[in-house]
mmCIF file of all heavy atoms, coordinates in Angstrom:
data_MODEL
# 
_entry.id   MODEL 
# 
loop_
_atom_site.group_PDB 
_atom_site.id 
_atom_site.type_symbol 
_atom_site.label_atom_id 
_atom_site.label_alt_id 
_atom_site.label_comp_id 
_atom_site.label_asym_id 
_atom_site.label_entity_id 
_atom_site.label_seq_id 
_atom_site.pdbx_PDB_ins_code 
_atom_site.Cartn_x 
_atom_site.Cartn_y 
_atom_site.Cartn_z 
_atom_site.occupancy 
_atom_site.B_iso_or_equiv 
_atom_site.pdbx_formal_charge 
_atom_site.auth_seq_id 
_atom_site.auth_comp_id 
_atom_site.auth_asym_id 
_atom_site.auth_atom_id 
_atom_site.pdbx_PDB_model_num 
ATOM 1   N N   . ASN A 1 1  ? 216.200 79.285 124.278 1.00 0.00 ? 1  ASN A N   1 
ATOM 2   C CA  . ASN A 1 1  ? 215.128 78.376 123.664 1.00 0.00 ? 1  ASN A CA  1 
ATOM 3   C C   . ASN A 1 1  ? 215.682 77.147 123.033 1.00 0.00 ? 1  ASN A C   1 
ATOM 4   O O   . ASN A 1 1  ? 216.806 77.104 122.522 1.00 0.00 ? 1  ASN A O   1 
ATOM 5   C CB  . ASN A 1 1  ? 214.404 79.076 122.585 1.00 0.00 ? 1  ASN A CB  1 
ATOM 6   C CG  . ASN A 1 1  ? 213.670 80.330 123.124 1.00 0.00 ? 1  ASN A CG  1 
ATOM 7   O OD1 . ASN A 1 1  ? 214.135 81.473 123.116 1.00 0.00 ? 1  ASN A OD1 1 
ATOM 8   N ND2 . ASN A 1 1  ? 212.465 80.006 123.511 1.00 0.00 ? 1  ASN A ND2 1 
ATOM 9   N N   . ALA A 1 2  ? 214.990 76.076 123.183 1.00 0.00 ? 2  ALA A N   1 
ATOM 10  C CA  . ALA A 1 2  ? 215.223 74.834 122.509 1.00 0.00 ? 2  ALA A CA  1 
ATOM 11  C C   . ALA A 1 2  ? 214.836 75.181 121.053 1.00 0.00 ? 2  ALA A C   1 
ATOM 12  O O   . ALA A 1 2  ? 213.782 75.702 120.938 1.00 0.00 ? 2  ALA A O   1 
ATOM 13  C CB  . ALA A 1 2  ? 214.513 73.717 123.035 1.00 0.00 ? 2  ALA A CB  1 
ATOM 14  N N   . MET A 1 3  ? 215.647 74.754 120.140 1.00 0.00 ? 3  MET A N   1 
ATOM 15  C CA  . MET A 1 3  ? 215.322 75.000 118.663 1.00 0.00 ? 3  MET A CA  1 
ATOM 16  C C   . MET A 1 3  ? 215.354 73.717 117.940 1.00 0.00 ? 3  MET A C   1 
ATOM 17  O O   . MET A 1 3  ? 216.066 72.765 118.218 1.00 0.00 ? 3  MET A O   1 
ATOM 18  C CB  . MET A 1 3  ? 216.400 75.917 118.071 1.00 0.00 ? 3  MET A CB  1 
ATOM 19  C CG  . MET A 1 3  ? 216.599 77.308 118.833 1.00 0.00 ? 3  MET A CG  1 
ATOM 20  S SD  . MET A 1 3  ? 215.145 78.299 118.588 1.00 0.00 ? 3  MET A SD  1 
ATOM 21  C CE  . MET A 1 3  ? 215.097 78.585 116.801 1.00 0.00 ? 3  MET A CE  1 
ATOM 22  N N   . GLY A 1 4  ? 214.549 73.668 116.889 1.00 0.00 ? 4  GLY A N   1 
ATOM 23  C CA  . GLY A 1 4  ? 214.479 72.459 116.141 1.00 0.00 ? 4  GLY A CA  1 
ATOM 24  C C   . GLY A 1 4  ? 214.299 72.728 114.624 1.00 0.00 ? 4  GLY A C   1 
ATOM 25  O O   . GLY A 1 4  ? 213.874 73.820 114.212 1.00 0.00 ? 4  GLY A O   1 
ATOM 26  N N   . TRP A 1 5  ? 214.736 71.739 113.879 1.00 0.00 ? 5  TRP A N   1 
ATOM 27  C CA  . TRP A 1 5  ? 214.439 71.691 112.403 1.00 0.00 ? 5  TRP A CA  1 
ATOM 28  C C   . TRP A 1 5  ? 213.459 70.571 112.149 1.00 0.00 ? 5  TRP A C   1 
ATOM 29  O O   . TRP A 1 5  ? 213.642 69.468 112.670 1.00 0.00 ? 5  TRP A O   1 
ATOM 30  C CB  . TRP A 1 5  ? 215.696 71.566 111.664 1.00 0.00 ? 5  TRP A CB  1 
ATOM 31  C CG  . TRP A 1 5  ? 216.577 72.691 111.533 1.00 0.00 ? 5  TRP A CG  1 
ATOM 32  C CD1 . TRP A 1 5  ? 217.716 72.987 112.404 1.00 0.00 ? 5  TRP A CD1 1 
ATOM 33  C CD2 . TRP A 1 5  ? 216.513 73.809 110.645 1.00 0.00 ? 5  TRP A CD2 1 
ATOM 34  N NE1 . TRP A 1 5  ? 218.362 74.201 112.053 1.00 0.00 ? 5  TRP A NE1 1 
ATOM 35  C CE2 . TRP A 1 5  ? 217.551 74.686 110.899 1.00 0.00 ? 5  TRP A CE2 1 
ATOM 36  C CE3 . TRP A 1 5  ? 215.595 74.131 109.615 1.00 0.00 ? 5  TRP A CE3 1 
ATOM 37  C CZ2 . TRP A 1 5  ? 217.691 75.818 110.223 1.00 0.00 ? 5  TRP A CZ2 1 
ATOM 38  C CZ3 . TRP A 1 5  ? 215.796 75.211 108.856 1.00 0.00 ? 5  TRP A CZ3 1 
ATOM 39  C CH2 . TRP A 1 5  ? 216.858 76.214 109.181 1.00 0.00 ? 5  TRP A CH2 1 
ATOM 40  N N   . TYR A 1 6  ? 212.475 70.871 111.338 1.00 0.00 ? 6  TYR A N   1 
ATOM 41  C CA  . TYR A 1 6  ? 211.491 69.951 110.848 1.00 0.00 ? 6  TYR A CA  1 
ATOM 42  C C   . TYR A 1 6  ? 211.439 69.978 109.376 1.00 0.00 ? 6  TYR A C   1 
ATOM 43  O O   . TYR A 1 6  ? 211.944 70.978 108.726 1.00 0.00 ? 6  TYR A O   1 
ATOM 44  C CB  . TYR A 1 6  ? 210.094 70.278 111.369 1.00 0.00 ? 6  TYR A CB  1 
ATOM 45  C CG  . TYR A 1 6  ? 210.010 70.094 112.865 1.00 0.00 ? 6  TYR A CG  1 
ATOM 46  C CD1 . TYR A 1 6  ? 210.579 70.976 113.774 1.00 0.00 ? 6  TYR A CD1 1 
ATOM 47  C CD2 . TYR A 1 6  ? 209.327 68.974 113.392 1.00 0.00 ? 6  TYR A CD2 1 
ATOM 48  C CE1 . TYR A 1 6  ? 210.528 70.834 115.115 1.00 0.00 ? 6  TYR A CE1 1 
ATOM 49  C CE2 . TYR A 1 6  ? 209.216 68.826 114.849 1.00 0.00 ? 6  TYR A CE2 1 
ATOM 50  C CZ  . TYR A 1 6  ? 209.882 69.681 115.591 1.00 0.00 ? 6  TYR A CZ  1 
ATOM 51  O OH  . TYR A 1 6  ? 209.767 69.448 116.955 1.00 0.00 ? 6  TYR A OH  1 
ATOM 52  N N   . ARG A 1 7  ? 210.862 69.018 108.728 1.00 0.00 ? 7  ARG A N   1 
ATOM 53  C CA  . ARG A 1 7  ? 210.722 69.032 107.209 1.00 0.00 ? 7  ARG A CA  1 
ATOM 54  C C   . ARG A 1 7  ? 209.422 68.390 106.863 1.00 0.00 ? 7  ARG A C   1 
ATOM 55  O O   . ARG A 1 7  ? 208.770 67.545 107.560 1.00 0.00 ? 7  ARG A O   1 
ATOM 56  C CB  . ARG A 1 7  ? 211.856 68.377 106.520 1.00 0.00 ? 7  ARG A CB  1 
ATOM 57  C CG  . ARG A 1 7  ? 211.876 66.898 106.734 1.00 0.00 ? 7  ARG A CG  1 
ATOM 58  C CD  . ARG A 1 7  ? 213.133 66.268 106.077 1.00 0.00 ? 7  ARG A CD  1 
ATOM 59  N NE  . ARG A 1 7  ? 213.198 64.785 106.109 1.00 0.00 ? 7  ARG A NE  1 
ATOM 60  C CZ  . ARG A 1 7  ? 214.231 64.128 105.789 1.00 0.00 ? 7  ARG A CZ  1 
ATOM 61  N NH1 . ARG A 1 7  ? 215.321 64.658 105.242 1.00 0.00 ? 7  ARG A NH1 1 
ATOM 62  N NH2 . ARG A 1 7  ? 214.194 62.812 105.812 1.00 0.00 ? 7  ARG A NH2 1 
ATOM 63  N N   . GLN A 1 8  ? 208.834 68.836 105.697 1.00 0.00 ? 8  GLN A N   1 
ATOM 64  C CA  . GLN A 1 8  ? 207.665 68.348 105.199 1.00 0.00 ? 8  GLN A CA  1 
ATOM 65  C C   . GLN A 1 8  ? 207.786 68.047 103.718 1.00 0.00 ? 8  GLN A C   1 
ATOM 66  O O   . GLN A 1 8  ? 207.918 69.200 102.928 1.00 0.00 ? 8  GLN A O   1 
ATOM 67  C CB  . GLN A 1 8  ? 206.428 69.151 105.488 1.00 0.00 ? 8  GLN A CB  1 
ATOM 68  C CG  . GLN A 1 8  ? 205.123 68.588 105.184 1.00 0.00 ? 8  GLN A CG  1 
ATOM 69  C CD  . GLN A 1 8  ? 203.923 69.298 105.837 1.00 0.00 ? 8  GLN A CD  1 
ATOM 70  O OE1 . GLN A 1 8  ? 204.048 70.415 106.179 1.00 0.00 ? 8  GLN A OE1 1 
ATOM 71  N NE2 . GLN A 1 8  ? 202.784 68.665 105.905 1.00 0.00 ? 8  GLN A NE2 1 
ATOM 72  N N   . ALA A 1 9  ? 207.653 66.890 103.351 1.00 0.00 ? 9  ALA A N   1 
ATOM 73  C CA  . ALA A 1 9  ? 207.644 66.548 101.851 1.00 0.00 ? 9  ALA A CA  1 
ATOM 74  C C   . ALA A 1 9  ? 206.217 66.547 101.311 1.00 0.00 ? 9  ALA A C   1 
ATOM 75  O O   . ALA A 1 9  ? 205.347 66.448 102.105 1.00 0.00 ? 9  ALA A O   1 
ATOM 76  C CB  . ALA A 1 9  ? 208.268 65.196 101.677 1.00 0.00 ? 9  ALA A CB  1 
ATOM 77  N N   . PRO A 1 10 ? 206.075 66.728 100.012 1.00 0.00 ? 10 PRO A N   1 
ATOM 78  C CA  . PRO A 1 10 ? 204.730 66.739 99.444  1.00 0.00 ? 10 PRO A CA  1 
ATOM 79  C C   . PRO A 1 10 ? 204.018 65.494 99.740  1.00 0.00 ? 10 PRO A C   1 
ATOM 80  O O   . PRO A 1 10 ? 204.533 64.417 99.615  1.00 0.00 ? 10 PRO A O   1 
ATOM 81  C CB  . PRO A 1 10 ? 204.939 66.926 97.919  1.00 0.00 ? 10 PRO A CB  1 
ATOM 82  C CG  . PRO A 1 10 ? 206.236 67.467 97.844  1.00 0.00 ? 10 PRO A CG  1 
ATOM 83  C CD  . PRO A 1 10 ? 207.162 67.035 98.988  1.00 0.00 ? 10 PRO A CD  1 
ATOM 84  N N   . GLY A 1 11 ? 202.736 65.681 100.304 1.00 0.00 ? 11 GLY A N   1 
ATOM 85  C CA  . GLY A 1 11 ? 201.848 64.498 100.650 1.00 0.00 ? 11 GLY A CA  1 
ATOM 86  C C   . GLY A 1 11 ? 202.202 63.822 101.931 1.00 0.00 ? 11 GLY A C   1 
ATOM 87  O O   . GLY A 1 11 ? 201.578 62.769 102.202 1.00 0.00 ? 11 GLY A O   1 
ATOM 88  N N   . LYS A 1 12 ? 203.197 64.312 102.623 1.00 0.00 ? 12 LYS A N   1 
ATOM 89  C CA  . LYS A 1 12 ? 203.585 63.698 103.881 1.00 0.00 ? 12 LYS A CA  1 
ATOM 90  C C   . LYS A 1 12 ? 203.421 64.626 105.142 1.00 0.00 ? 12 LYS A C   1 
ATOM 91  O O   . LYS A 1 12 ? 203.387 65.767 104.914 1.00 0.00 ? 12 LYS A O   1 
ATOM 92  C CB  . LYS A 1 12 ? 205.066 63.191 103.767 1.00 0.00 ? 12 LYS A CB  1 
ATOM 93  C CG  . LYS A 1 12 ? 205.339 62.041 102.777 1.00 0.00 ? 12 LYS A CG  1 
ATOM 94  C CD  . LYS A 1 12 ? 206.676 61.604 102.879 1.00 0.00 ? 12 LYS A CD  1 
ATOM 95  C CE  . LYS A 1 12 ? 206.930 60.515 101.828 1.00 0.00 ? 12 LYS A CE  1 
ATOM 96  N NZ  . LYS A 1 12 ? 208.238 59.977 101.950 1.00 0.00 ? 12 LYS A NZ  1 
ATOM 97  N N   . GLU A 1 13 ? 203.416 64.057 106.244 1.00 0.00 ? 13 GLU A N   1 
ATOM 98  C CA  . GLU A 1 13 ? 203.287 64.829 107.516 1.00 0.00 ? 13 GLU A CA  1 
ATOM 99  C C   . GLU A 1 13 ? 204.573 65.423 107.786 1.00 0.00 ? 13 GLU A C   1 
ATOM 100 O O   . GLU A 1 13 ? 205.704 65.063 107.365 1.00 0.00 ? 13 GLU A O   1 
ATOM 101 C CB  . GLU A 1 13 ? 202.871 63.908 108.638 1.00 0.00 ? 13 GLU A CB  1 
ATOM 102 C CG  . GLU A 1 13 ? 201.430 63.436 108.480 1.00 0.00 ? 13 GLU A CG  1 
ATOM 103 C CD  . GLU A 1 13 ? 200.908 62.721 109.735 1.00 0.00 ? 13 GLU A CD  1 
ATOM 104 O OE1 . GLU A 1 13 ? 201.704 62.608 110.734 1.00 0.00 ? 13 GLU A OE1 1 
ATOM 105 O OE2 . GLU A 1 13 ? 199.854 62.336 109.799 1.00 0.00 ? 13 GLU A OE2 1 
ATOM 106 N N   . ARG A 1 14 ? 204.613 66.626 108.607 1.00 0.00 ? 14 ARG A N   1 
ATOM 107 C CA  . ARG A 1 14 ? 205.810 67.228 108.965 1.00 0.00 ? 14 ARG A CA  1 
ATOM 108 C C   . ARG A 1 14 ? 206.572 66.277 109.894 1.00 0.00 ? 14 ARG A C   1 
ATOM 109 O O   . ARG A 1 14 ? 205.975 65.674 110.792 1.00 0.00 ? 14 ARG A O   1 
ATOM 110 C CB  . ARG A 1 14 ? 205.469 68.582 109.753 1.00 0.00 ? 14 ARG A CB  1 
ATOM 111 C CG  . ARG A 1 14 ? 206.715 69.479 109.924 1.00 0.00 ? 14 ARG A CG  1 
ATOM 112 C CD  . ARG A 1 14 ? 206.320 70.828 110.286 1.00 0.00 ? 14 ARG A CD  1 
ATOM 113 N NE  . ARG A 1 14 ? 205.540 71.525 109.227 1.00 0.00 ? 14 ARG A NE  1 
ATOM 114 C CZ  . ARG A 1 14 ? 205.173 72.832 109.329 1.00 0.00 ? 14 ARG A CZ  1 
ATOM 115 N NH1 . ARG A 1 14 ? 205.474 73.564 110.422 1.00 0.00 ? 14 ARG A NH1 1 
ATOM 116 N NH2 . ARG A 1 14 ? 204.469 73.402 108.417 1.00 0.00 ? 14 ARG A NH2 1 
ATOM 117 N N   . GLU A 1 15 ? 207.958 66.277 109.642 1.00 0.00 ? 15 GLU A N   1 
ATOM 118 C CA  . GLU A 1 15 ? 208.748 65.195 110.336 1.00 0.00 ? 15 GLU A CA  1 
ATOM 119 C C   . GLU A 1 15 ? 209.868 65.997 111.068 1.00 0.00 ? 15 GLU A C   1 
ATOM 120 O O   . GLU A 1 15 ? 210.480 66.959 110.572 1.00 0.00 ? 15 GLU A O   1 
ATOM 121 C CB  . GLU A 1 15 ? 209.384 64.406 109.282 1.00 0.00 ? 15 GLU A CB  1 
ATOM 122 C CG  . GLU A 1 15 ? 210.509 63.376 109.776 1.00 0.00 ? 15 GLU A CG  1 
ATOM 123 C CD  . GLU A 1 15 ? 211.336 62.755 108.623 1.00 0.00 ? 15 GLU A CD  1 
ATOM 124 O OE1 . GLU A 1 15 ? 211.262 63.275 107.565 1.00 0.00 ? 15 GLU A OE1 1 
ATOM 125 O OE2 . GLU A 1 15 ? 211.970 61.762 108.842 1.00 0.00 ? 15 GLU A OE2 1 
ATOM 126 N N   . TRP A 1 16 ? 210.079 65.638 112.247 1.00 0.00 ? 16 TRP A N   1 
ATOM 127 C CA  . TRP A 1 16 ? 211.163 66.122 113.044 1.00 0.00 ? 16 TRP A CA  1 
ATOM 128 C C   . TRP A 1 16 ? 212.604 65.707 112.535 1.00 0.00 ? 16 TRP A C   1 
ATOM 129 O O   . TRP A 1 16 ? 212.734 64.531 112.257 1.00 0.00 ? 16 TRP A O   1 
ATOM 130 C CB  . TRP A 1 16 ? 211.073 65.829 114.570 1.00 0.00 ? 16 TRP A CB  1 
ATOM 131 C CG  . TRP A 1 16 ? 212.208 66.073 115.309 1.00 0.00 ? 16 TRP A CG  1 
ATOM 132 C CD1 . TRP A 1 16 ? 212.827 67.354 115.695 1.00 0.00 ? 16 TRP A CD1 1 
ATOM 133 C CD2 . TRP A 1 16 ? 213.122 65.125 116.048 1.00 0.00 ? 16 TRP A CD2 1 
ATOM 134 N NE1 . TRP A 1 16 ? 213.866 67.173 116.556 1.00 0.00 ? 16 TRP A NE1 1 
ATOM 135 C CE2 . TRP A 1 16 ? 214.171 65.813 116.730 1.00 0.00 ? 16 TRP A CE2 1 
ATOM 136 C CE3 . TRP A 1 16 ? 213.183 63.687 116.076 1.00 0.00 ? 16 TRP A CE3 1 
ATOM 137 C CZ2 . TRP A 1 16 ? 215.132 65.188 117.421 1.00 0.00 ? 16 TRP A CZ2 1 
ATOM 138 C CZ3 . TRP A 1 16 ? 214.112 63.098 116.790 1.00 0.00 ? 16 TRP A CZ3 1 
ATOM 139 C CH2 . TRP A 1 16 ? 215.056 63.777 117.475 1.00 0.00 ? 16 TRP A CH2 1 
ATOM 140 N N   . VAL A 1 17 ? 213.517 66.646 112.426 1.00 0.00 ? 17 VAL A N   1 
ATOM 141 C CA  . VAL A 1 17 ? 214.846 66.337 111.863 1.00 0.00 ? 17 VAL A CA  1 
ATOM 142 C C   . VAL A 1 17 ? 215.861 66.364 112.931 1.00 0.00 ? 17 VAL A C   1 
ATOM 143 O O   . VAL A 1 17 ? 216.622 65.359 113.061 1.00 0.00 ? 17 VAL A O   1 
ATOM 144 C CB  . VAL A 1 17 ? 215.157 67.327 110.787 1.00 0.00 ? 17 VAL A CB  1 
ATOM 145 C CG1 . VAL A 1 17 ? 216.542 67.109 110.212 1.00 0.00 ? 17 VAL A CG1 1 
ATOM 146 C CG2 . VAL A 1 17 ? 214.098 67.207 109.566 1.00 0.00 ? 17 VAL A CG2 1 
ATOM 147 N N   . ALA A 1 18 ? 215.935 67.472 113.663 1.00 0.00 ? 18 ALA A N   1 
ATOM 148 C CA  . ALA A 1 18 ? 216.951 67.645 114.648 1.00 0.00 ? 18 ALA A CA  1 
ATOM 149 C C   . ALA A 1 18 ? 216.596 68.785 115.604 1.00 0.00 ? 18 ALA A C   1 
ATOM 150 O O   . ALA A 1 18 ? 215.766 69.602 115.295 1.00 0.00 ? 18 ALA A O   1 
ATOM 151 C CB  . ALA A 1 18 ? 218.333 67.966 113.999 1.00 0.00 ? 18 ALA A CB  1 
ATOM 152 N N   . SER A 1 19 ? 217.158 68.675 116.844 1.00 0.00 ? 19 SER A N   1 
ATOM 153 C CA  . SER A 1 19 ? 216.952 69.758 117.754 1.00 0.00 ? 19 SER A CA  1 
ATOM 154 C C   . SER A 1 19 ? 218.229 70.017 118.645 1.00 0.00 ? 19 SER A C   1 
ATOM 155 O O   . SER A 1 19 ? 219.094 69.225 118.720 1.00 0.00 ? 19 SER A O   1 
ATOM 156 C CB  . SER A 1 19 ? 215.795 69.374 118.775 1.00 0.00 ? 19 SER A CB  1 
ATOM 157 O OG  . SER A 1 19 ? 216.038 68.117 119.352 1.00 0.00 ? 19 SER A OG  1 
ATOM 158 N N   . ILE A 1 20 ? 218.225 71.161 119.213 1.00 0.00 ? 20 ILE A N   1 
ATOM 159 C CA  . ILE A 1 20 ? 219.401 71.593 120.086 1.00 0.00 ? 20 ILE A CA  1 
ATOM 160 C C   . ILE A 1 20 ? 218.806 72.464 121.210 1.00 0.00 ? 20 ILE A C   1 
ATOM 161 O O   . ILE A 1 20 ? 218.013 73.241 120.979 1.00 0.00 ? 20 ILE A O   1 
ATOM 162 C CB  . ILE A 1 20 ? 220.424 72.437 119.222 1.00 0.00 ? 20 ILE A CB  1 
ATOM 163 C CG1 . ILE A 1 20 ? 221.575 72.749 120.104 1.00 0.00 ? 20 ILE A CG1 1 
ATOM 164 C CG2 . ILE A 1 20 ? 219.778 73.646 118.613 1.00 0.00 ? 20 ILE A CG2 1 
ATOM 165 C CD1 . ILE A 1 20 ? 222.823 73.232 119.217 1.00 0.00 ? 20 ILE A CD1 1 
ATOM 166 N N   . ASN A 1 21 ? 219.274 72.144 122.484 1.00 0.00 ? 21 ASN A N   1 
ATOM 167 C CA  . ASN A 1 21 ? 218.698 72.950 123.493 1.00 0.00 ? 21 ASN A CA  1 
ATOM 168 C C   . ASN A 1 21 ? 219.723 74.082 123.961 1.00 0.00 ? 21 ASN A C   1 
ATOM 169 O O   . ASN A 1 21 ? 220.670 74.353 123.175 1.00 0.00 ? 21 ASN A O   1 
ATOM 170 C CB  . ASN A 1 21 ? 218.426 72.013 124.710 1.00 0.00 ? 21 ASN A CB  1 
ATOM 171 C CG  . ASN A 1 21 ? 219.630 71.478 125.383 1.00 0.00 ? 21 ASN A CG  1 
ATOM 172 O OD1 . ASN A 1 21 ? 220.753 71.801 125.036 1.00 0.00 ? 21 ASN A OD1 1 
ATOM 173 N ND2 . ASN A 1 21 ? 219.345 70.573 126.360 1.00 0.00 ? 21 ASN A ND2 1 
ATOM 174 N N   . ARG A 1 22 ? 219.342 74.750 124.965 1.00 0.00 ? 22 ARG A N   1 
ATOM 175 C CA  . ARG A 1 22 ? 220.146 75.897 125.324 1.00 0.00 ? 22 ARG A CA  1 
ATOM 176 C C   . ARG A 1 22 ? 221.602 75.527 125.813 1.00 0.00 ? 22 ARG A C   1 
ATOM 177 O O   . ARG A 1 22 ? 222.394 76.412 125.763 1.00 0.00 ? 22 ARG A O   1 
ATOM 178 C CB  . ARG A 1 22 ? 219.415 76.782 126.420 1.00 0.00 ? 22 ARG A CB  1 
ATOM 179 C CG  . ARG A 1 22 ? 219.236 75.986 127.778 1.00 0.00 ? 22 ARG A CG  1 
ATOM 180 C CD  . ARG A 1 22 ? 218.490 76.830 128.759 1.00 0.00 ? 22 ARG A CD  1 
ATOM 181 N NE  . ARG A 1 22 ? 218.288 76.110 130.002 1.00 0.00 ? 22 ARG A NE  1 
ATOM 182 C CZ  . ARG A 1 22 ? 219.145 76.224 131.032 1.00 0.00 ? 22 ARG A CZ  1 
ATOM 183 N NH1 . ARG A 1 22 ? 220.274 76.919 130.861 1.00 0.00 ? 22 ARG A NH1 1 
ATOM 184 N NH2 . ARG A 1 22 ? 218.959 75.517 132.101 1.00 0.00 ? 22 ARG A NH2 1 
ATOM 185 N N   . LEU A 1 23 ? 221.724 74.286 126.224 1.00 0.00 ? 23 LEU A N   1 
ATOM 186 C CA  . LEU A 1 23 ? 223.093 73.842 126.639 1.00 0.00 ? 23 LEU A CA  1 
ATOM 187 C C   . LEU A 1 23 ? 223.786 73.122 125.449 1.00 0.00 ? 23 LEU A C   1 
ATOM 188 O O   . LEU A 1 23 ? 224.903 72.585 125.622 1.00 0.00 ? 23 LEU A O   1 
ATOM 189 C CB  . LEU A 1 23 ? 222.914 72.826 127.708 1.00 0.00 ? 23 LEU A CB  1 
ATOM 190 C CG  . LEU A 1 23 ? 222.174 73.390 128.993 1.00 0.00 ? 23 LEU A CG  1 
ATOM 191 C CD1 . LEU A 1 23 ? 222.068 72.110 129.948 1.00 0.00 ? 23 LEU A CD1 1 
ATOM 192 C CD2 . LEU A 1 23 ? 223.035 74.455 129.619 1.00 0.00 ? 23 LEU A CD2 1 
ATOM 193 N N   . ARG A 1 24 ? 223.229 73.327 124.220 1.00 0.00 ? 24 ARG A N   1 
ATOM 194 C CA  . ARG A 1 24 ? 223.850 72.907 122.957 1.00 0.00 ? 24 ARG A CA  1 
ATOM 195 C C   . ARG A 1 24 ? 223.767 71.285 122.891 1.00 0.00 ? 24 ARG A C   1 
ATOM 196 O O   . ARG A 1 24 ? 224.555 70.700 122.178 1.00 0.00 ? 24 ARG A O   1 
ATOM 197 C CB  . ARG A 1 24 ? 225.226 73.369 122.751 1.00 0.00 ? 24 ARG A CB  1 
ATOM 198 C CG  . ARG A 1 24 ? 225.270 74.846 122.676 1.00 0.00 ? 24 ARG A CG  1 
ATOM 199 C CD  . ARG A 1 24 ? 226.673 75.375 122.480 1.00 0.00 ? 24 ARG A CD  1 
ATOM 200 N NE  . ARG A 1 24 ? 226.738 76.803 122.688 1.00 0.00 ? 24 ARG A NE  1 
ATOM 201 C CZ  . ARG A 1 24 ? 226.562 77.672 121.767 1.00 0.00 ? 24 ARG A CZ  1 
ATOM 202 N NH1 . ARG A 1 24 ? 226.272 77.242 120.427 1.00 0.00 ? 24 ARG A NH1 1 
ATOM 203 N NH2 . ARG A 1 24 ? 226.654 79.015 121.884 1.00 0.00 ? 24 ARG A NH2 1 
ATOM 204 N N   . LEU A 1 25 ? 222.937 70.667 123.728 1.00 0.00 ? 25 LEU A N   1 
ATOM 205 C CA  . LEU A 1 25 ? 222.774 69.181 123.487 1.00 0.00 ? 25 LEU A CA  1 
ATOM 206 C C   . LEU A 1 25 ? 221.907 69.006 122.338 1.00 0.00 ? 25 LEU A C   1 
ATOM 207 O O   . LEU A 1 25 ? 220.915 69.668 122.072 1.00 0.00 ? 25 LEU A O   1 
ATOM 208 C CB  . LEU A 1 25 ? 222.079 68.608 124.783 1.00 0.00 ? 25 LEU A CB  1 
ATOM 209 C CG  . LEU A 1 25 ? 222.971 68.744 126.086 1.00 0.00 ? 25 LEU A CG  1 
ATOM 210 C CD1 . LEU A 1 25 ? 222.102 68.234 127.309 1.00 0.00 ? 25 LEU A CD1 1 
ATOM 211 C CD2 . LEU A 1 25 ? 224.235 67.913 125.970 1.00 0.00 ? 25 LEU A CD2 1 
# 
């Protein structure tokens, strides 16, 4: 699976932080 980290600060929309695919890219 491609995996990702996201974050959400109070009052803000969820934001993409980083991702890694099955090939570790």
